[in-house]
Structure formats: C-alpha cells, structure tokens
N, C-alpha and C. Protein backbone atom coordinates (compact mmCIF):
# COMPACT_ATOMS: atom_id res chain seq x y z
N MET A 1 -15.43 18.51 -102.63
CA MET A 1 -15.62 19.06 -101.32
C MET A 1 -14.27 19.11 -100.59
N LYS A 2 -13.54 18.00 -100.65
CA LYS A 2 -12.25 17.96 -99.97
C LYS A 2 -11.30 19.01 -100.53
N ALA A 3 -11.35 19.22 -101.85
CA ALA A 3 -10.47 20.22 -102.47
C ALA A 3 -10.80 21.61 -101.95
N LEU A 4 -12.06 21.92 -101.80
CA LEU A 4 -12.46 23.24 -101.28
C LEU A 4 -12.00 23.40 -99.83
N LEU A 5 -12.19 22.37 -99.05
CA LEU A 5 -11.76 22.44 -97.65
C LEU A 5 -10.24 22.50 -97.53
N ALA A 6 -9.55 21.83 -98.45
CA ALA A 6 -8.08 21.82 -98.40
C ALA A 6 -7.49 23.19 -98.69
N VAL A 7 -8.17 24.01 -99.49
CA VAL A 7 -7.67 25.35 -99.79
C VAL A 7 -8.25 26.39 -98.82
N LYS A 8 -8.80 25.89 -97.74
CA LYS A 8 -9.29 26.74 -96.65
C LYS A 8 -10.44 27.64 -97.06
N ALA A 9 -11.39 27.07 -97.81
CA ALA A 9 -12.61 27.81 -98.09
C ALA A 9 -13.23 28.22 -96.76
N LYS A 10 -13.74 29.43 -96.67
CA LYS A 10 -14.25 29.93 -95.39
C LYS A 10 -15.36 29.05 -94.84
N LYS A 11 -16.30 28.69 -95.67
CA LYS A 11 -17.43 27.89 -95.21
C LYS A 11 -18.02 27.16 -96.40
N ILE A 12 -18.32 25.90 -96.20
CA ILE A 12 -19.00 25.09 -97.19
C ILE A 12 -20.41 24.87 -96.67
N ILE A 13 -21.41 25.25 -97.46
CA ILE A 13 -22.80 25.05 -97.08
C ILE A 13 -23.32 23.86 -97.89
N LEU A 14 -23.73 22.82 -97.20
CA LEU A 14 -24.22 21.62 -97.88
C LEU A 14 -25.73 21.58 -97.89
N GLY A 15 -26.25 21.09 -98.97
CA GLY A 15 -27.67 20.80 -99.05
C GLY A 15 -27.83 19.40 -99.60
N SER A 16 -28.73 18.64 -99.03
CA SER A 16 -28.92 17.26 -99.44
C SER A 16 -30.37 16.86 -99.21
N ARG A 17 -30.88 16.00 -100.07
CA ARG A 17 -32.25 15.53 -99.84
C ARG A 17 -32.31 14.39 -98.85
N ASP A 18 -31.15 13.79 -98.52
CA ASP A 18 -31.09 12.71 -97.55
C ASP A 18 -30.17 13.14 -96.41
N LEU A 19 -30.77 13.61 -95.33
CA LEU A 19 -29.99 14.15 -94.22
C LEU A 19 -29.11 13.11 -93.55
N ASN A 20 -29.55 11.87 -93.51
CA ASN A 20 -28.72 10.82 -92.89
C ASN A 20 -27.44 10.61 -93.69
N LEU A 21 -27.55 10.50 -95.01
CA LEU A 21 -26.35 10.34 -95.84
C LEU A 21 -25.46 11.57 -95.76
N GLN A 22 -26.07 12.75 -95.72
CA GLN A 22 -25.29 13.98 -95.60
C GLN A 22 -24.52 13.98 -94.28
N HIS A 23 -25.17 13.61 -93.21
CA HIS A 23 -24.51 13.60 -91.90
C HIS A 23 -23.34 12.62 -91.89
N GLU A 24 -23.52 11.44 -92.48
CA GLU A 24 -22.43 10.46 -92.57
C GLU A 24 -21.26 11.03 -93.37
N PHE A 25 -21.57 11.71 -94.48
CA PHE A 25 -20.55 12.31 -95.33
C PHE A 25 -19.77 13.38 -94.55
N VAL A 26 -20.49 14.23 -93.85
CA VAL A 26 -19.84 15.29 -93.07
C VAL A 26 -18.99 14.69 -91.95
N ASP A 27 -19.46 13.64 -91.32
CA ASP A 27 -18.65 12.99 -90.28
C ASP A 27 -17.32 12.50 -90.86
N ARG A 28 -17.34 11.95 -92.08
CA ARG A 28 -16.09 11.51 -92.71
C ARG A 28 -15.20 12.71 -93.02
N LEU A 29 -15.79 13.81 -93.48
CA LEU A 29 -15.01 15.02 -93.78
C LEU A 29 -14.36 15.57 -92.51
N LYS A 30 -15.08 15.53 -91.42
CA LYS A 30 -14.59 16.10 -90.16
C LYS A 30 -13.40 15.32 -89.61
N GLN A 31 -13.14 14.14 -90.13
CA GLN A 31 -11.95 13.39 -89.71
C GLN A 31 -10.68 14.07 -90.21
N ASP A 32 -10.80 14.81 -91.33
CA ASP A 32 -9.64 15.46 -91.93
C ASP A 32 -9.68 16.98 -91.89
N PHE A 33 -10.85 17.55 -91.63
CA PHE A 33 -11.00 19.00 -91.72
C PHE A 33 -11.75 19.53 -90.50
N VAL A 34 -11.66 20.83 -90.29
CA VAL A 34 -12.31 21.49 -89.17
C VAL A 34 -13.82 21.52 -89.40
N GLY A 35 -14.56 21.01 -88.44
CA GLY A 35 -16.01 20.91 -88.58
C GLY A 35 -16.72 22.24 -88.72
N GLU A 36 -16.17 23.31 -88.15
CA GLU A 36 -16.82 24.62 -88.24
C GLU A 36 -16.80 25.17 -89.65
N ASP A 37 -15.97 24.59 -90.52
CA ASP A 37 -15.91 25.03 -91.91
C ASP A 37 -17.06 24.48 -92.75
N ILE A 38 -17.87 23.62 -92.15
CA ILE A 38 -18.94 22.95 -92.87
C ILE A 38 -20.27 23.29 -92.22
N ASP A 39 -21.17 23.88 -92.99
CA ASP A 39 -22.52 24.17 -92.52
C ASP A 39 -23.42 23.13 -93.16
N GLU A 40 -23.79 22.13 -92.38
CA GLU A 40 -24.63 21.07 -92.93
C GLU A 40 -26.11 21.28 -92.64
N ARG A 41 -26.43 22.30 -91.91
CA ARG A 41 -27.81 22.72 -91.68
C ARG A 41 -28.73 21.57 -91.28
N ILE A 42 -28.24 20.72 -90.41
CA ILE A 42 -29.08 19.62 -89.95
C ILE A 42 -29.71 20.02 -88.62
N ASP A 43 -31.01 20.19 -88.64
CA ASP A 43 -31.73 20.48 -87.40
C ASP A 43 -32.94 19.57 -87.28
N GLY A 44 -32.92 18.49 -88.05
CA GLY A 44 -33.99 17.51 -87.96
C GLY A 44 -35.16 17.77 -88.88
N SER A 45 -35.24 18.95 -89.47
CA SER A 45 -36.41 19.22 -90.29
C SER A 45 -36.08 19.79 -91.66
N HIS A 46 -34.83 20.08 -91.93
CA HIS A 46 -34.51 20.75 -93.18
C HIS A 46 -33.61 19.91 -94.07
N CYS A 47 -33.88 19.97 -95.34
CA CYS A 47 -33.01 19.36 -96.34
C CYS A 47 -33.14 20.22 -97.60
N LEU A 48 -32.45 19.81 -98.63
CA LEU A 48 -32.56 20.50 -99.91
C LEU A 48 -32.95 19.47 -100.94
N ASP A 49 -34.22 19.42 -101.25
CA ASP A 49 -34.74 18.52 -102.27
C ASP A 49 -34.98 19.36 -103.52
N LEU A 50 -34.15 19.18 -104.54
CA LEU A 50 -34.27 19.98 -105.75
C LEU A 50 -35.48 19.62 -106.60
N GLY A 51 -36.24 18.64 -106.16
CA GLY A 51 -37.49 18.31 -106.82
C GLY A 51 -38.69 18.89 -106.09
N ASP A 52 -38.45 19.83 -105.18
CA ASP A 52 -39.51 20.40 -104.36
C ASP A 52 -39.25 21.90 -104.19
N PHE A 53 -40.06 22.72 -104.86
CA PHE A 53 -39.86 24.17 -104.83
C PHE A 53 -39.85 24.73 -103.41
N GLN A 54 -40.69 24.21 -102.52
CA GLN A 54 -40.73 24.72 -101.16
C GLN A 54 -39.43 24.43 -100.43
N SER A 55 -38.88 23.24 -100.62
CA SER A 55 -37.60 22.89 -100.01
C SER A 55 -36.50 23.82 -100.51
N ILE A 56 -36.52 24.11 -101.79
CA ILE A 56 -35.52 25.02 -102.39
C ILE A 56 -35.67 26.42 -101.79
N ALA A 57 -36.90 26.91 -101.71
CA ALA A 57 -37.14 28.24 -101.15
C ALA A 57 -36.70 28.30 -99.69
N ASP A 58 -36.97 27.25 -98.92
CA ASP A 58 -36.56 27.22 -97.51
C ASP A 58 -35.05 27.24 -97.38
N PHE A 59 -34.36 26.46 -98.21
CA PHE A 59 -32.90 26.41 -98.17
C PHE A 59 -32.33 27.78 -98.55
N ALA A 60 -32.86 28.38 -99.60
CA ALA A 60 -32.37 29.69 -100.04
C ALA A 60 -32.62 30.75 -98.96
N ALA A 61 -33.75 30.67 -98.29
CA ALA A 61 -34.05 31.63 -97.21
C ALA A 61 -33.05 31.46 -96.07
N TYR A 62 -32.71 30.22 -95.75
CA TYR A 62 -31.71 29.97 -94.71
C TYR A 62 -30.37 30.59 -95.11
N VAL A 63 -29.91 30.31 -96.32
CA VAL A 63 -28.63 30.85 -96.78
C VAL A 63 -28.68 32.38 -96.80
N ASP A 64 -29.79 32.93 -97.26
CA ASP A 64 -29.94 34.38 -97.32
C ASP A 64 -29.85 35.01 -95.92
N THR A 65 -30.41 34.34 -94.94
CA THR A 65 -30.38 34.84 -93.56
C THR A 65 -29.00 34.73 -92.93
N MET A 66 -28.30 33.65 -93.23
CA MET A 66 -27.04 33.34 -92.54
C MET A 66 -25.80 33.93 -93.19
N TYR A 67 -25.84 34.23 -94.49
CA TYR A 67 -24.62 34.61 -95.20
C TYR A 67 -24.84 35.88 -96.02
N ASN A 68 -23.81 36.76 -96.02
CA ASN A 68 -23.88 38.00 -96.80
C ASN A 68 -23.56 37.76 -98.26
N THR A 69 -22.62 36.86 -98.53
CA THR A 69 -22.24 36.56 -99.92
C THR A 69 -21.98 35.06 -100.07
N ILE A 70 -22.08 34.63 -101.30
CA ILE A 70 -21.72 33.26 -101.67
C ILE A 70 -20.65 33.38 -102.73
N ASP A 71 -19.47 32.93 -102.43
CA ASP A 71 -18.38 33.03 -103.39
C ASP A 71 -18.65 32.17 -104.61
N CYS A 72 -19.16 30.96 -104.40
CA CYS A 72 -19.42 30.07 -105.53
C CYS A 72 -20.57 29.13 -105.19
N LEU A 73 -21.59 29.13 -106.02
CA LEU A 73 -22.69 28.19 -105.92
C LEU A 73 -22.40 27.04 -106.88
N ILE A 74 -22.29 25.84 -106.36
CA ILE A 74 -22.01 24.69 -107.21
C ILE A 74 -23.30 23.89 -107.35
N CYS A 75 -23.83 23.89 -108.56
CA CYS A 75 -25.06 23.16 -108.88
C CYS A 75 -24.65 21.76 -109.34
N ASN A 76 -24.59 20.84 -108.39
CA ASN A 76 -23.96 19.55 -108.62
C ASN A 76 -24.92 18.37 -108.50
N ALA A 77 -26.06 18.53 -107.88
CA ALA A 77 -26.95 17.39 -107.71
C ALA A 77 -27.40 16.88 -109.07
N GLY A 78 -27.60 15.61 -109.16
CA GLY A 78 -28.06 15.08 -110.42
C GLY A 78 -28.54 13.65 -110.29
N ILE A 79 -29.52 13.34 -111.10
CA ILE A 79 -30.00 11.98 -111.19
C ILE A 79 -29.90 11.57 -112.65
N MET A 80 -29.80 10.26 -112.90
CA MET A 80 -29.53 9.79 -114.26
C MET A 80 -30.36 8.56 -114.58
N ASN A 81 -30.95 8.58 -115.75
CA ASN A 81 -31.66 7.43 -116.32
C ASN A 81 -32.65 6.83 -115.33
N THR A 82 -33.45 7.67 -114.74
CA THR A 82 -34.46 7.20 -113.79
C THR A 82 -35.66 6.64 -114.53
N PRO A 83 -36.46 5.81 -113.86
CA PRO A 83 -37.74 5.42 -114.46
C PRO A 83 -38.64 6.65 -114.54
N PRO A 84 -39.68 6.60 -115.33
CA PRO A 84 -40.56 7.77 -115.43
C PRO A 84 -41.15 8.15 -114.08
N SER A 85 -41.04 9.43 -113.76
CA SER A 85 -41.62 9.96 -112.53
C SER A 85 -41.60 11.48 -112.62
N VAL A 86 -42.28 12.11 -111.69
CA VAL A 86 -42.34 13.57 -111.67
C VAL A 86 -41.91 14.09 -110.30
N THR A 87 -41.49 15.34 -110.29
CA THR A 87 -41.14 16.00 -109.04
C THR A 87 -42.42 16.33 -108.27
N LYS A 88 -42.25 16.80 -107.06
CA LYS A 88 -43.39 17.21 -106.24
C LYS A 88 -44.22 18.29 -106.95
N ASP A 89 -43.53 19.11 -107.75
CA ASP A 89 -44.22 20.20 -108.44
C ASP A 89 -44.67 19.83 -109.85
N GLY A 90 -44.54 18.54 -110.22
CA GLY A 90 -45.12 18.06 -111.46
C GLY A 90 -44.24 18.04 -112.69
N PHE A 91 -42.95 18.29 -112.55
CA PHE A 91 -42.04 18.25 -113.70
C PHE A 91 -41.45 16.85 -113.85
N GLU A 92 -41.12 16.48 -115.07
CA GLU A 92 -40.41 15.22 -115.29
C GLU A 92 -39.20 15.24 -114.38
N GLN A 93 -38.94 14.14 -113.68
CA GLN A 93 -37.99 14.15 -112.56
C GLN A 93 -36.58 14.58 -112.94
N GLN A 94 -36.01 14.07 -114.02
CA GLN A 94 -34.62 14.43 -114.33
C GLN A 94 -34.47 15.90 -114.68
N MET A 95 -35.39 16.42 -115.48
CA MET A 95 -35.35 17.85 -115.82
C MET A 95 -35.68 18.68 -114.58
N GLY A 96 -36.62 18.20 -113.78
CA GLY A 96 -37.01 18.94 -112.58
C GLY A 96 -35.90 19.07 -111.56
N VAL A 97 -35.19 17.97 -111.30
CA VAL A 97 -34.12 17.98 -110.31
C VAL A 97 -32.84 18.58 -110.88
N ASN A 98 -32.41 18.08 -112.03
CA ASN A 98 -31.11 18.47 -112.59
C ASN A 98 -31.07 19.90 -113.10
N VAL A 99 -32.21 20.42 -113.55
CA VAL A 99 -32.21 21.73 -114.19
C VAL A 99 -33.12 22.73 -113.49
N ILE A 100 -34.39 22.43 -113.41
CA ILE A 100 -35.35 23.41 -112.89
C ILE A 100 -35.09 23.71 -111.42
N GLY A 101 -34.81 22.69 -110.63
CA GLY A 101 -34.50 22.92 -109.21
C GLY A 101 -33.25 23.75 -109.02
N HIS A 102 -32.21 23.43 -109.80
CA HIS A 102 -30.98 24.23 -109.73
C HIS A 102 -31.23 25.66 -110.19
N PHE A 103 -32.02 25.81 -111.26
CA PHE A 103 -32.33 27.16 -111.74
C PHE A 103 -32.98 27.99 -110.63
N LEU A 104 -33.99 27.42 -109.98
CA LEU A 104 -34.68 28.16 -108.93
C LEU A 104 -33.72 28.53 -107.80
N LEU A 105 -32.90 27.58 -107.37
CA LEU A 105 -31.93 27.87 -106.30
C LEU A 105 -30.97 28.97 -106.73
N ALA A 106 -30.42 28.86 -107.93
CA ALA A 106 -29.47 29.88 -108.43
C ALA A 106 -30.14 31.24 -108.54
N LYS A 107 -31.37 31.26 -108.99
CA LYS A 107 -32.10 32.53 -109.13
C LYS A 107 -32.38 33.16 -107.76
N LEU A 108 -32.79 32.34 -106.80
CA LEU A 108 -33.09 32.87 -105.47
C LEU A 108 -31.84 33.38 -104.75
N LEU A 109 -30.68 32.81 -105.06
CA LEU A 109 -29.44 33.23 -104.39
C LEU A 109 -28.58 34.16 -105.26
N LEU A 110 -29.08 34.56 -106.39
CA LEU A 110 -28.31 35.33 -107.35
C LEU A 110 -27.73 36.63 -106.77
N ALA A 111 -28.49 37.34 -106.00
CA ALA A 111 -28.03 38.63 -105.47
C ALA A 111 -26.80 38.49 -104.57
N LYS A 112 -26.60 37.32 -103.99
CA LYS A 112 -25.46 37.09 -103.09
C LYS A 112 -24.32 36.33 -103.75
N THR A 113 -24.53 35.85 -104.95
CA THR A 113 -23.59 34.92 -105.58
C THR A 113 -22.63 35.61 -106.53
N LYS A 114 -21.35 35.29 -106.39
CA LYS A 114 -20.32 35.84 -107.28
C LYS A 114 -20.07 34.92 -108.48
N ARG A 115 -20.08 33.60 -108.23
CA ARG A 115 -19.79 32.63 -109.29
C ARG A 115 -20.73 31.44 -109.17
N GLN A 116 -20.98 30.81 -110.34
CA GLN A 116 -21.77 29.59 -110.38
C GLN A 116 -21.01 28.53 -111.18
N VAL A 117 -21.09 27.30 -110.71
CA VAL A 117 -20.57 26.17 -111.45
C VAL A 117 -21.74 25.21 -111.66
N TRP A 118 -22.04 24.94 -112.91
CA TRP A 118 -23.12 24.02 -113.28
C TRP A 118 -22.48 22.72 -113.74
N VAL A 119 -22.65 21.67 -112.96
CA VAL A 119 -22.06 20.38 -113.32
C VAL A 119 -22.96 19.71 -114.35
N SER A 120 -22.43 19.61 -115.55
CA SER A 120 -23.16 18.97 -116.64
C SER A 120 -22.53 17.61 -116.88
N SER A 121 -22.42 17.22 -118.13
CA SER A 121 -21.87 15.91 -118.46
C SER A 121 -21.70 15.84 -119.97
N HIS A 122 -20.78 14.97 -120.38
CA HIS A 122 -20.73 14.68 -121.82
C HIS A 122 -22.04 14.04 -122.27
N GLY A 123 -22.84 13.64 -121.30
CA GLY A 123 -24.16 13.08 -121.59
C GLY A 123 -25.05 14.02 -122.38
N HIS A 124 -24.70 15.30 -122.43
CA HIS A 124 -25.51 16.22 -123.23
C HIS A 124 -25.42 15.88 -124.71
N ASN A 125 -24.46 15.04 -125.09
CA ASN A 125 -24.30 14.62 -126.49
C ASN A 125 -25.01 13.31 -126.80
N LEU A 126 -25.60 12.66 -125.81
CA LEU A 126 -26.31 11.40 -126.07
C LEU A 126 -27.37 11.61 -127.14
N ASN A 127 -27.65 10.58 -127.88
CA ASN A 127 -28.72 10.62 -128.90
C ASN A 127 -28.53 11.75 -129.90
N GLY A 128 -27.28 12.01 -130.24
CA GLY A 128 -27.00 13.05 -131.22
C GLY A 128 -27.09 14.45 -130.67
N GLY A 129 -27.15 14.60 -129.35
CA GLY A 129 -27.19 15.94 -128.76
C GLY A 129 -28.44 16.70 -129.14
N GLN A 130 -29.58 16.06 -128.98
CA GLN A 130 -30.84 16.70 -129.34
C GLN A 130 -31.02 18.04 -128.64
N ARG A 131 -31.72 18.94 -129.32
CA ARG A 131 -32.06 20.23 -128.73
C ARG A 131 -33.08 20.04 -127.62
N ILE A 132 -33.21 21.02 -126.75
CA ILE A 132 -34.19 20.95 -125.67
C ILE A 132 -35.59 20.87 -126.25
N ASP A 133 -36.36 19.92 -125.77
CA ASP A 133 -37.74 19.72 -126.19
C ASP A 133 -38.65 20.34 -125.12
N ILE A 134 -38.98 21.61 -125.32
CA ILE A 134 -39.78 22.34 -124.33
C ILE A 134 -41.14 21.67 -124.13
N GLY A 135 -41.72 21.17 -125.19
CA GLY A 135 -43.02 20.50 -125.09
C GLY A 135 -42.96 19.30 -124.15
N ALA A 136 -41.88 18.55 -124.21
CA ALA A 136 -41.75 17.37 -123.35
C ALA A 136 -41.62 17.78 -121.88
N ILE A 137 -41.04 18.94 -121.64
CA ILE A 137 -40.90 19.42 -120.26
C ILE A 137 -42.26 19.86 -119.72
N ARG A 138 -42.98 20.60 -120.52
CA ARG A 138 -44.27 21.16 -120.09
C ARG A 138 -45.37 20.11 -119.96
N LYS A 139 -45.33 19.10 -120.82
CA LYS A 139 -46.49 18.22 -120.94
C LYS A 139 -46.28 16.82 -120.41
N PHE A 140 -45.20 16.54 -119.74
CA PHE A 140 -45.00 15.17 -119.25
C PHE A 140 -46.00 14.87 -118.15
N SER A 141 -46.65 13.73 -118.27
CA SER A 141 -47.65 13.35 -117.27
C SER A 141 -47.57 11.86 -117.00
N MET A 142 -47.56 11.51 -115.75
CA MET A 142 -47.59 10.10 -115.37
C MET A 142 -48.94 9.47 -115.70
N ASP A 143 -49.95 10.30 -115.94
CA ASP A 143 -51.27 9.79 -116.29
C ASP A 143 -51.40 9.48 -117.78
N ASP A 144 -50.43 9.90 -118.57
CA ASP A 144 -50.45 9.65 -120.01
C ASP A 144 -49.70 8.34 -120.28
N LYS A 145 -50.47 7.28 -120.51
CA LYS A 145 -49.89 5.94 -120.66
C LYS A 145 -48.87 5.89 -121.79
N GLN A 146 -49.15 6.57 -122.89
CA GLN A 146 -48.24 6.57 -124.03
C GLN A 146 -46.90 7.24 -123.67
N GLN A 147 -46.95 8.37 -122.96
CA GLN A 147 -45.72 9.04 -122.53
C GLN A 147 -44.91 8.17 -121.60
N VAL A 148 -45.56 7.53 -120.66
CA VAL A 148 -44.86 6.69 -119.70
C VAL A 148 -44.22 5.50 -120.41
N GLU A 149 -44.94 4.86 -121.31
CA GLU A 149 -44.42 3.69 -122.02
C GLU A 149 -43.28 4.04 -122.96
N SER A 150 -43.30 5.24 -123.54
CA SER A 150 -42.24 5.63 -124.48
C SER A 150 -41.09 6.39 -123.80
N TYR A 151 -41.18 6.53 -122.50
CA TYR A 151 -40.17 7.27 -121.73
C TYR A 151 -38.79 6.65 -121.93
N ASP A 152 -37.82 7.48 -122.24
CA ASP A 152 -36.44 7.03 -122.38
C ASP A 152 -35.60 7.83 -121.39
N GLY A 153 -35.14 7.17 -120.34
CA GLY A 153 -34.40 7.84 -119.28
C GLY A 153 -33.12 8.49 -119.75
N PHE A 154 -32.47 7.90 -120.77
CA PHE A 154 -31.23 8.50 -121.27
C PHE A 154 -31.52 9.75 -122.09
N VAL A 155 -32.62 9.77 -122.83
CA VAL A 155 -32.99 10.98 -123.57
C VAL A 155 -33.29 12.10 -122.57
N ARG A 156 -34.01 11.78 -121.52
CA ARG A 156 -34.34 12.79 -120.50
C ARG A 156 -33.08 13.27 -119.79
N TYR A 157 -32.13 12.37 -119.54
CA TYR A 157 -30.87 12.76 -118.93
C TYR A 157 -30.10 13.70 -119.87
N GLN A 158 -30.04 13.34 -121.15
CA GLN A 158 -29.36 14.18 -122.14
C GLN A 158 -29.96 15.59 -122.13
N GLN A 159 -31.28 15.65 -122.11
CA GLN A 159 -31.95 16.94 -122.11
C GLN A 159 -31.58 17.76 -120.86
N SER A 160 -31.51 17.09 -119.72
CA SER A 160 -31.20 17.81 -118.48
C SER A 160 -29.76 18.30 -118.46
N LYS A 161 -28.83 17.53 -118.98
CA LYS A 161 -27.43 17.96 -118.99
C LYS A 161 -27.22 19.10 -119.99
N LEU A 162 -27.93 19.07 -121.10
CA LEU A 162 -27.90 20.20 -122.03
C LEU A 162 -28.51 21.43 -121.35
N GLY A 163 -29.56 21.21 -120.58
CA GLY A 163 -30.18 22.31 -119.83
C GLY A 163 -29.20 22.98 -118.88
N ASN A 164 -28.34 22.19 -118.21
CA ASN A 164 -27.33 22.77 -117.32
C ASN A 164 -26.39 23.69 -118.08
N ILE A 165 -25.94 23.25 -119.25
CA ILE A 165 -25.03 24.06 -120.05
C ILE A 165 -25.70 25.36 -120.49
N LEU A 166 -26.93 25.25 -120.95
CA LEU A 166 -27.65 26.43 -121.43
C LEU A 166 -27.92 27.42 -120.29
N LEU A 167 -28.22 26.91 -119.10
CA LEU A 167 -28.44 27.82 -117.97
C LEU A 167 -27.16 28.53 -117.55
N ALA A 168 -26.04 27.81 -117.56
CA ALA A 168 -24.77 28.48 -117.24
C ALA A 168 -24.51 29.61 -118.22
N LYS A 169 -24.75 29.35 -119.50
CA LYS A 169 -24.56 30.40 -120.50
C LYS A 169 -25.52 31.57 -120.27
N ALA A 170 -26.76 31.25 -119.96
CA ALA A 170 -27.77 32.31 -119.76
C ALA A 170 -27.44 33.15 -118.53
N PHE A 171 -27.09 32.53 -117.41
CA PHE A 171 -26.74 33.30 -116.21
C PHE A 171 -25.52 34.17 -116.48
N SER A 172 -24.54 33.62 -117.18
CA SER A 172 -23.32 34.39 -117.48
C SER A 172 -23.62 35.59 -118.36
N LYS A 173 -24.50 35.40 -119.31
CA LYS A 173 -24.80 36.47 -120.27
C LYS A 173 -25.76 37.52 -119.69
N ARG A 174 -26.74 37.09 -118.91
CA ARG A 174 -27.81 37.99 -118.51
C ARG A 174 -27.73 38.53 -117.09
N CYS A 175 -26.89 37.92 -116.28
CA CYS A 175 -26.82 38.31 -114.87
C CYS A 175 -25.39 38.72 -114.53
N ASN A 176 -25.24 39.44 -113.46
CA ASN A 176 -23.91 39.91 -113.04
C ASN A 176 -23.22 38.82 -112.23
N VAL A 177 -22.93 37.68 -112.90
CA VAL A 177 -22.32 36.55 -112.23
C VAL A 177 -21.47 35.78 -113.25
N VAL A 178 -20.36 35.25 -112.78
CA VAL A 178 -19.54 34.36 -113.62
C VAL A 178 -20.15 32.98 -113.50
N ALA A 179 -20.58 32.41 -114.61
CA ALA A 179 -21.22 31.08 -114.59
C ALA A 179 -20.57 30.21 -115.66
N VAL A 180 -20.21 29.01 -115.25
CA VAL A 180 -19.57 28.05 -116.16
C VAL A 180 -20.24 26.69 -115.97
N SER A 181 -20.09 25.85 -117.01
CA SER A 181 -20.53 24.47 -116.88
C SER A 181 -19.33 23.57 -117.17
N LEU A 182 -19.41 22.34 -116.67
CA LEU A 182 -18.29 21.44 -116.85
C LEU A 182 -18.74 19.99 -116.83
N HIS A 183 -17.90 19.14 -117.40
CA HIS A 183 -18.07 17.69 -117.29
C HIS A 183 -17.16 17.25 -116.14
N PRO A 184 -17.67 16.54 -115.17
CA PRO A 184 -16.88 16.25 -113.97
C PRO A 184 -15.78 15.21 -114.15
N GLY A 185 -15.78 14.49 -115.24
CA GLY A 185 -14.84 13.38 -115.39
C GLY A 185 -13.49 13.77 -115.89
C-alpha cells in the first residue's frame, strides 16, 4: 500500500471485512500520505467480506458507481490453515475467501479493470502441489462428521493458493486484462 501511495497512485480503494482495523490502518497511512488518495469507504455499514457474495456485490457496485476505470485490482486477502468452517454462501472457508470471493469480485469489476494481481504463495506446492479437488470444493459440509474430522487446513490452503494461480492464468487468457500471480515473500 505504501509503495502505491509513494508513486502517487491516483486513488487506492480499500476493502476490508473489519472496518475498525481498516480505519486504524488508514489512520497510520495518513500520517505519511495524503488522505484523499485513499478511499476507505467507511460509512458505518459497508465492508468487503470475501466470504459473503452480497458484500462482494455491494462493494463492486460502489466501485462501479464511483470510478470509471481500475488500473489494477489486487486480490490480496487471504486466510491460512483455518479450522473447518464455511463461508456465508456455504463454501469451504479458505477456498471461499481466497479464491471464490476474489473470482466474483474480479469478474464483477472486469469491464473497468486493466490489470489484476493475484497474491498466491509458494504454499501452492504444499503436499506435493496437489491438483484442485473440485469435489472437495462442491461437497464440503460442516454437517459431515467425517469431512470435518479429516479436514486438513494446510491442504485446503494449498488448494486455494493454486486456485489463485489458475485464476490469474484464466483471466489473462480469456479476458481482455493483464493478470498475474505472485508469491509475496
């Protein structure tokens, strides 16, 4: 964020599922940078929860209304090695937040977006770099005792980070957008 502000990016639009933490972060940024360069969209009722399709749609609608173009969409949110849980829309949480939520946001903002950066991880190589298990994405249920007991948070993380890489490749190949993935370290 600081690097973007340091090169005088016109506007940084932030989305966060925790508005209090986002506001604290922006306050720290404003100590070094011009506050008008940061759109934190805090009005007491809005956030960007990538585990909630409605939240994603609301955020995308806001961006669509306020901005003509997006120079770069950075898909950076991520959770790692969580206990078994599901998103509001019923997807396994790590795949739902790290991949499916980002996919929906990127798809909804595609017409305005010039570039995408998908933050992945070397974690896509965990457990031998297993291929995406579509069945595990579709059928994960907190009501299935066997699935919950056999849940491996690192396997699910590996799957989600591989998903980020595959989506960057797919957007780059199929859509009129430059899309890349990277390991942040």
